Amino acid sequence: MTQTPKIMHKEHDGFLYTYFENYDDDCNCMWRKNSEHENVYTIERVDILPEFRRKGFARELLKDALKRIAVEGVVDQIIHLTH
């Protein structure tokens, strides 16, 4: 696979997801708003299928998640980033 698959978005139980079309359960970036601080978000996980590794796709998911967060308002900081 040479092109990044189309990036999609969904919300479920208060969590916001950026994911690749056709891979919504196995390959995603999850974030949520911090309930104690305004304009603070937590990115909790980035899951990448083995066939997508080392191709820059995780970076594309993160970049898209950050764009979506920016739409919510000014982002003061990202609290936590884990794999």
N, C-alpha and C. Protein backbone atom coordinates (compact mmCIF):
# COMPACT_ATOMS: atom_id res chain seq x y z
N MET A 1 0.84 -1.17 0.00
CA MET A 1 0.00 0.00 0.00
C MET A 1 0.89 1.24 0.00
N THR A 2 0.71 2.10 -0.96
CA THR A 2 1.56 3.27 -1.06
C THR A 2 0.87 4.56 -0.66
N GLN A 3 -0.45 4.61 -0.72
CA GLN A 3 -1.18 5.81 -0.35
C GLN A 3 -1.81 5.64 1.02
N THR A 4 -1.95 6.76 1.74
CA THR A 4 -2.66 6.73 3.00
C THR A 4 -4.14 6.48 2.73
N PRO A 5 -4.74 5.50 3.40
CA PRO A 5 -6.18 5.30 3.21
C PRO A 5 -6.95 6.54 3.65
N LYS A 6 -8.18 6.68 3.20
CA LYS A 6 -9.01 7.83 3.56
C LYS A 6 -9.23 7.84 5.08
N ILE A 7 -9.06 9.02 5.69
CA ILE A 7 -9.24 9.16 7.13
C ILE A 7 -10.68 9.56 7.42
N MET A 8 -11.28 8.88 8.38
CA MET A 8 -12.67 9.09 8.77
C MET A 8 -12.71 9.52 10.23
N HIS A 9 -13.91 9.91 10.71
CA HIS A 9 -14.08 10.38 12.08
C HIS A 9 -15.37 9.81 12.66
N LYS A 10 -15.35 9.55 13.96
CA LYS A 10 -16.57 9.12 14.64
C LYS A 10 -16.47 9.50 16.11
N GLU A 11 -17.62 9.51 16.76
CA GLU A 11 -17.68 9.75 18.20
C GLU A 11 -18.45 8.61 18.82
N HIS A 12 -17.96 8.10 19.95
CA HIS A 12 -18.63 6.99 20.62
C HIS A 12 -18.38 7.11 22.12
N ASP A 13 -19.43 7.16 22.91
CA ASP A 13 -19.34 7.24 24.38
C ASP A 13 -18.42 8.36 24.86
N GLY A 14 -18.48 9.51 24.22
CA GLY A 14 -17.68 10.65 24.63
C GLY A 14 -16.25 10.65 24.12
N PHE A 15 -15.86 9.62 23.40
CA PHE A 15 -14.53 9.55 22.81
C PHE A 15 -14.63 9.89 21.33
N LEU A 16 -13.65 10.61 20.84
CA LEU A 16 -13.60 10.99 19.44
C LEU A 16 -12.51 10.17 18.77
N TYR A 17 -12.77 9.69 17.58
CA TYR A 17 -11.83 8.82 16.89
C TYR A 17 -11.51 9.35 15.50
N THR A 18 -10.25 9.24 15.15
CA THR A 18 -9.79 9.41 13.78
C THR A 18 -9.34 8.01 13.35
N TYR A 19 -9.83 7.53 12.23
CA TYR A 19 -9.50 6.16 11.82
C TYR A 19 -9.45 6.07 10.31
N PHE A 20 -8.86 4.99 9.83
CA PHE A 20 -8.81 4.75 8.39
C PHE A 20 -10.08 4.05 7.94
N GLU A 21 -10.64 4.54 6.84
CA GLU A 21 -11.81 3.91 6.25
C GLU A 21 -11.52 2.42 6.05
N ASN A 22 -12.48 1.59 6.35
CA ASN A 22 -12.39 0.13 6.27
C ASN A 22 -11.59 -0.50 7.41
N TYR A 23 -11.05 0.31 8.33
CA TYR A 23 -10.28 -0.24 9.45
C TYR A 23 -10.70 0.42 10.76
N ASP A 24 -11.99 0.69 10.94
CA ASP A 24 -12.44 1.47 12.09
C ASP A 24 -12.26 0.78 13.43
N ASP A 25 -12.16 -0.54 13.49
CA ASP A 25 -12.01 -1.22 14.77
C ASP A 25 -10.55 -1.52 15.10
N ASP A 26 -9.67 -1.52 14.12
CA ASP A 26 -8.31 -2.01 14.33
C ASP A 26 -7.23 -0.95 14.20
N CYS A 27 -7.57 0.23 13.73
CA CYS A 27 -6.54 1.19 13.40
C CYS A 27 -7.09 2.59 13.65
N ASN A 28 -6.77 3.16 14.82
CA ASN A 28 -7.36 4.46 15.10
C ASN A 28 -6.56 5.27 16.09
N CYS A 29 -6.91 6.50 16.18
CA CYS A 29 -6.37 7.44 17.15
C CYS A 29 -7.55 7.93 17.97
N MET A 30 -7.48 7.81 19.28
CA MET A 30 -8.59 8.18 20.15
C MET A 30 -8.19 9.39 20.99
N TRP A 31 -9.08 10.35 21.12
CA TRP A 31 -8.82 11.49 21.99
C TRP A 31 -10.10 11.90 22.68
N ARG A 32 -9.94 12.68 23.75
CA ARG A 32 -11.11 13.20 24.45
C ARG A 32 -10.76 14.53 25.11
N LYS A 33 -11.81 15.28 25.41
CA LYS A 33 -11.64 16.55 26.11
C LYS A 33 -11.35 16.27 27.57
N ASN A 34 -10.51 17.10 28.17
CA ASN A 34 -10.24 17.02 29.60
C ASN A 34 -11.40 17.70 30.31
N SER A 35 -12.02 17.01 31.25
CA SER A 35 -13.20 17.56 31.91
C SER A 35 -12.87 18.66 32.93
N GLU A 36 -11.62 18.75 33.35
CA GLU A 36 -11.23 19.73 34.37
C GLU A 36 -10.67 21.02 33.79
N HIS A 37 -10.19 20.98 32.56
CA HIS A 37 -9.54 22.15 31.96
C HIS A 37 -10.12 22.42 30.58
N GLU A 38 -10.38 23.68 30.31
CA GLU A 38 -10.91 24.07 29.01
C GLU A 38 -9.80 24.01 27.95
N ASN A 39 -10.13 23.55 26.77
CA ASN A 39 -9.20 23.48 25.64
C ASN A 39 -7.99 22.60 25.90
N VAL A 40 -8.16 21.58 26.73
CA VAL A 40 -7.08 20.61 26.97
C VAL A 40 -7.63 19.24 26.57
N TYR A 41 -6.85 18.51 25.80
CA TYR A 41 -7.28 17.22 25.28
C TYR A 41 -6.24 16.16 25.62
N THR A 42 -6.69 14.92 25.64
CA THR A 42 -5.81 13.79 25.87
C THR A 42 -5.88 12.88 24.65
N ILE A 43 -4.73 12.57 24.08
CA ILE A 43 -4.66 11.54 23.04
C ILE A 43 -4.25 10.27 23.76
N GLU A 44 -5.13 9.26 23.70
CA GLU A 44 -4.93 8.09 24.53
C GLU A 44 -4.32 6.90 23.82
N ARG A 45 -4.50 6.81 22.52
CA ARG A 45 -3.93 5.63 21.88
C ARG A 45 -3.87 5.82 20.37
N VAL A 46 -2.89 5.23 19.80
CA VAL A 46 -2.81 5.13 18.35
C VAL A 46 -2.55 3.65 18.06
N ASP A 47 -3.46 3.01 17.38
CA ASP A 47 -3.31 1.60 17.01
C ASP A 47 -3.05 1.53 15.51
N ILE A 48 -2.02 0.83 15.13
CA ILE A 48 -1.69 0.68 13.72
C ILE A 48 -1.60 -0.80 13.39
N LEU A 49 -2.29 -1.21 12.35
CA LEU A 49 -2.19 -2.59 11.89
C LEU A 49 -0.77 -2.87 11.42
N PRO A 50 -0.30 -4.10 11.59
CA PRO A 50 1.08 -4.42 11.19
C PRO A 50 1.42 -4.03 9.76
N GLU A 51 0.48 -4.18 8.83
CA GLU A 51 0.79 -3.86 7.43
C GLU A 51 0.95 -2.35 7.20
N PHE A 52 0.54 -1.53 8.17
CA PHE A 52 0.68 -0.08 8.04
C PHE A 52 1.93 0.46 8.72
N ARG A 53 2.62 -0.35 9.47
CA ARG A 53 3.77 0.14 10.23
C ARG A 53 4.90 0.59 9.32
N ARG A 54 5.64 1.61 9.77
CA ARG A 54 6.81 2.16 9.09
C ARG A 54 6.47 2.81 7.74
N LYS A 55 5.22 3.26 7.61
CA LYS A 55 4.81 3.93 6.37
C LYS A 55 4.28 5.33 6.64
N GLY A 56 4.41 5.81 7.88
CA GLY A 56 3.97 7.16 8.21
C GLY A 56 2.48 7.30 8.47
N PHE A 57 1.75 6.19 8.53
CA PHE A 57 0.31 6.27 8.69
C PHE A 57 -0.09 6.72 10.10
N ALA A 58 0.66 6.31 11.12
CA ALA A 58 0.36 6.76 12.49
C ALA A 58 0.50 8.28 12.57
N ARG A 59 1.51 8.81 11.93
CA ARG A 59 1.70 10.26 11.89
C ARG A 59 0.51 10.94 11.23
N GLU A 60 -0.01 10.35 10.16
CA GLU A 60 -1.18 10.93 9.48
C GLU A 60 -2.41 10.92 10.39
N LEU A 61 -2.60 9.83 11.15
CA LEU A 61 -3.72 9.79 12.09
C LEU A 61 -3.57 10.87 13.16
N LEU A 62 -2.36 11.02 13.70
CA LEU A 62 -2.13 12.04 14.73
C LEU A 62 -2.34 13.45 14.18
N LYS A 63 -1.81 13.71 13.00
CA LYS A 63 -1.97 15.03 12.40
C LYS A 63 -3.45 15.35 12.19
N ASP A 64 -4.20 14.37 11.72
CA ASP A 64 -5.61 14.59 11.49
C ASP A 64 -6.35 14.79 12.81
N ALA A 65 -5.99 14.02 13.84
CA ALA A 65 -6.61 14.19 15.16
C ALA A 65 -6.35 15.59 15.68
N LEU A 66 -5.13 16.08 15.53
CA LEU A 66 -4.80 17.43 15.99
C LEU A 66 -5.59 18.50 15.22
N LYS A 67 -5.80 18.28 13.93
CA LYS A 67 -6.62 19.21 13.16
C LYS A 67 -8.06 19.23 13.68
N ARG A 68 -8.59 18.04 13.97
CA ARG A 68 -9.95 17.94 14.48
C ARG A 68 -10.07 18.60 15.85
N ILE A 69 -9.07 18.42 16.69
CA ILE A 69 -9.06 19.05 18.01
C ILE A 69 -9.02 20.57 17.84
N ALA A 70 -8.22 21.05 16.90
CA ALA A 70 -8.10 22.49 16.68
C ALA A 70 -9.44 23.11 16.29
N VAL A 71 -10.28 22.34 15.61
CA VAL A 71 -11.61 22.82 15.22
C VAL A 71 -12.44 23.11 16.47
N GLU A 72 -12.20 22.35 17.54
CA GLU A 72 -12.95 22.53 18.78
C GLU A 72 -12.62 23.87 19.44
N GLY A 73 -11.48 24.43 19.18
CA GLY A 73 -11.05 25.68 19.79
C GLY A 73 -9.54 25.69 19.91
N VAL A 74 -9.02 26.68 20.58
CA VAL A 74 -7.58 26.78 20.75
C VAL A 74 -7.12 25.68 21.70
N VAL A 75 -6.14 24.92 21.28
CA VAL A 75 -5.62 23.83 22.10
C VAL A 75 -4.44 24.34 22.90
N ASP A 76 -4.59 24.35 24.22
CA ASP A 76 -3.52 24.85 25.09
C ASP A 76 -2.40 23.84 25.25
N GLN A 77 -2.74 22.59 25.38
CA GLN A 77 -1.71 21.57 25.54
C GLN A 77 -2.32 20.20 25.32
N ILE A 78 -1.48 19.26 25.00
CA ILE A 78 -1.91 17.87 24.94
C ILE A 78 -1.28 17.19 26.15
N ILE A 79 -2.11 16.60 26.96
CA ILE A 79 -1.68 16.12 28.26
C ILE A 79 -0.88 14.83 28.16
N HIS A 80 -1.31 13.90 27.35
CA HIS A 80 -0.73 12.56 27.43
C HIS A 80 -0.72 11.92 26.04
N LEU A 81 0.36 11.33 25.68
CA LEU A 81 0.45 10.63 24.41
C LEU A 81 1.12 9.29 24.68
N THR A 82 0.41 8.21 24.42
CA THR A 82 0.95 6.88 24.63
C THR A 82 0.66 6.03 23.44
N HIS A 83 1.36 4.91 23.37
CA HIS A 83 1.15 3.96 22.28
C HIS A 83 0.43 2.77 22.86
